[in-house]
N, C-alpha and C. Protein backbone atom coordinates (compact mmCIF):
# COMPACT_ATOMS: atom_id res chain seq x y z
N MET A 1 149.49 135.99 111.72
CA MET A 1 148.89 135.10 111.92
C MET A 1 147.45 135.62 112.27
N ARG A 2 146.85 136.70 112.47
CA ARG A 2 145.51 137.14 112.63
C ARG A 2 144.83 136.93 111.20
N GLU A 3 145.60 137.38 110.31
CA GLU A 3 145.06 137.20 109.05
C GLU A 3 144.50 135.83 108.55
N LEU A 4 145.38 134.87 109.07
CA LEU A 4 144.82 133.24 108.67
C LEU A 4 143.67 133.17 109.73
N SER A 5 143.83 133.26 111.07
CA SER A 5 142.76 132.92 112.03
C SER A 5 141.37 133.73 111.16
N THR A 6 141.34 134.91 111.04
CA THR A 6 140.11 135.58 110.28
C THR A 6 139.53 134.68 109.29
N ALA A 7 140.57 134.28 107.73
CA ALA A 7 140.34 133.73 107.07
C ALA A 7 139.59 132.57 107.49
N ILE A 8 140.40 131.59 108.11
CA ILE A 8 139.50 130.31 108.39
C ILE A 8 138.40 130.43 109.27
N ASP A 9 138.23 131.45 110.20
CA ASP A 9 136.81 131.74 110.80
C ASP A 9 135.89 132.41 109.67
N HIS A 10 136.30 133.11 108.66
CA HIS A 10 135.25 133.28 107.52
C HIS A 10 134.90 132.18 106.58
N LEU A 11 135.64 131.38 106.43
CA LEU A 11 135.45 130.19 105.73
C LEU A 11 134.03 129.23 106.60
N SER A 12 134.60 128.89 107.76
CA SER A 12 134.08 128.22 108.65
C SER A 12 132.10 128.61 108.79
N GLU A 13 132.39 129.98 108.81
CA GLU A 13 130.78 130.62 108.96
C GLU A 13 130.02 130.34 107.58
N GLU A 14 130.86 130.17 106.51
CA GLU A 14 130.10 130.07 105.43
C GLU A 14 129.42 128.51 104.97
N ASP A 15 128.15 128.66 104.42
CA ASP A 15 127.88 127.27 103.73
C ASP A 15 128.33 127.37 102.40
N PRO A 16 129.17 126.04 102.50
CA PRO A 16 129.80 126.08 100.89
C PRO A 16 128.55 125.82 100.03
N SER A 17 127.48 125.39 99.92
CA SER A 17 126.90 125.15 98.83
C SER A 17 126.19 126.58 98.43
N GLU A 18 126.40 127.76 99.25
CA GLU A 18 125.98 129.01 98.59
C GLU A 18 127.31 129.76 97.95
N ILE A 19 128.13 129.21 97.82
CA ILE A 19 129.21 130.01 97.68
C ILE A 19 129.51 129.42 96.15
N SER A 20 129.88 130.01 95.24
CA SER A 20 130.39 129.59 93.67
C SER A 20 131.41 128.98 93.49
N PRO A 21 131.73 128.01 92.62
CA PRO A 21 133.14 127.23 92.97
C PRO A 21 134.33 128.33 92.51
N LEU A 22 133.90 129.22 91.67
CA LEU A 22 134.96 130.05 91.27
C LEU A 22 135.19 130.72 92.82
N GLN A 23 134.15 131.26 93.34
CA GLN A 23 134.67 132.00 94.86
C GLN A 23 135.13 131.19 95.81
N LEU A 24 134.81 129.88 95.89
CA LEU A 24 135.33 128.91 97.06
C LEU A 24 136.59 129.04 96.41
N THR A 25 137.05 128.47 95.42
CA THR A 25 138.45 128.21 94.78
C THR A 25 139.45 129.55 95.08
N GLU A 26 138.45 130.82 95.19
CA GLU A 26 139.77 132.01 95.10
C GLU A 26 139.97 132.14 96.72
N GLN A 27 138.74 131.51 97.64
CA GLN A 27 138.99 131.95 98.79
C GLN A 27 140.19 130.85 99.51
N LEU A 28 139.97 129.58 98.55
CA LEU A 28 141.14 128.72 99.12
C LEU A 28 142.50 128.94 99.00
N VAL A 29 142.60 129.29 97.74
CA VAL A 29 143.82 129.59 97.23
C VAL A 29 144.29 130.86 98.00
N GLU A 30 143.44 131.83 98.69
CA GLU A 30 144.14 132.96 99.62
C GLU A 30 144.45 132.31 100.38
N LEU A 31 143.60 131.49 100.98
CA LEU A 31 143.93 130.81 102.47
C LEU A 31 145.35 130.13 102.49
N HIS A 32 145.38 129.34 100.99
CA HIS A 32 146.76 128.66 100.95
C HIS A 32 148.05 130.07 101.14
N TRP A 33 147.75 130.81 100.51
CA TRP A 33 148.95 131.66 100.47
C TRP A 33 149.13 132.19 101.83
N GLN A 34 148.26 132.60 102.88
CA GLN A 34 148.22 133.00 103.95
C GLN A 34 149.01 131.72 105.04
N MET A 35 148.82 130.53 104.76
CA MET A 35 149.01 129.69 105.40
C MET A 35 151.05 129.60 105.31
N ALA A 36 151.08 129.83 103.69
CA ALA A 36 152.56 129.74 102.88
C ALA A 36 153.22 130.89 103.98
N ARG A 37 152.82 132.16 104.17
CA ARG A 37 153.29 133.15 104.39
C ARG A 37 153.46 133.06 106.27
N LEU A 38 152.56 132.09 106.92
CA LEU A 38 152.93 132.08 107.98
C LEU A 38 154.11 130.99 108.33
N GLN A 39 153.99 129.91 107.50
CA GLN A 39 155.04 129.16 107.51
C GLN A 39 156.34 129.74 107.25
N ALA A 40 156.58 130.70 106.12
CA ALA A 40 157.83 131.38 106.11
C ALA A 40 158.22 132.30 107.24
N GLN A 41 157.11 133.12 107.58
CA GLN A 41 157.38 133.87 108.96
C GLN A 41 157.71 132.78 110.58
N ILE A 42 157.35 131.64 110.76
CA ILE A 42 157.81 130.63 111.55
C ILE A 42 159.05 130.41 111.25
N ALA A 43 159.48 130.27 109.78
CA ALA A 43 160.69 129.29 109.81
C ALA A 43 161.72 130.18 110.08
N ARG A 44 161.59 131.82 109.35
CA ARG A 44 162.13 132.38 109.65
C ARG A 44 162.72 132.93 111.54
N ARG A 45 161.71 132.64 112.11
CA ARG A 45 161.85 133.14 113.59
C ARG A 45 162.26 132.14 114.40
N THR A 46 162.36 130.70 113.97
CA THR A 46 162.90 129.78 114.45
C THR A 46 164.02 129.09 114.08
N SER A 47 164.78 129.42 113.05
CA SER A 47 165.91 128.93 112.40
C SER A 47 166.93 129.09 113.23
N VAL A 48 167.83 128.15 113.21
CA VAL A 48 168.87 128.39 114.38
C VAL A 48 170.05 129.05 113.21
N ARG A 49 170.74 129.65 113.90
CA ARG A 49 171.88 130.58 113.50
C ARG A 49 173.31 129.95 114.26
N PHE A 50 174.33 129.69 113.21
CA PHE A 50 175.43 129.45 113.83
C PHE A 50 176.34 130.44 113.85
N PRO A 51 177.22 130.35 114.59
CA PRO A 51 177.95 131.62 114.38
C PRO A 51 179.04 131.76 113.28
N GLY A 52 179.12 133.01 112.42
CA GLY A 52 179.80 133.05 111.37
C GLY A 52 178.81 133.33 110.46
N ASP A 53 177.42 133.01 110.71
CA ASP A 53 176.22 133.24 109.42
C ASP A 53 176.21 134.43 109.17
């Protein structure tokens, strides 16, 4: 969770006009993967387990 927060904070501090399109794309892809990892962690922690599973 901390990694995602740090990535969002980092992106919000930068002026997009000062970032190359390639670098911006790389940052957005990394942010996407961090969000996907967070969603997977949340899903694992909140899944309902039935007896016998």
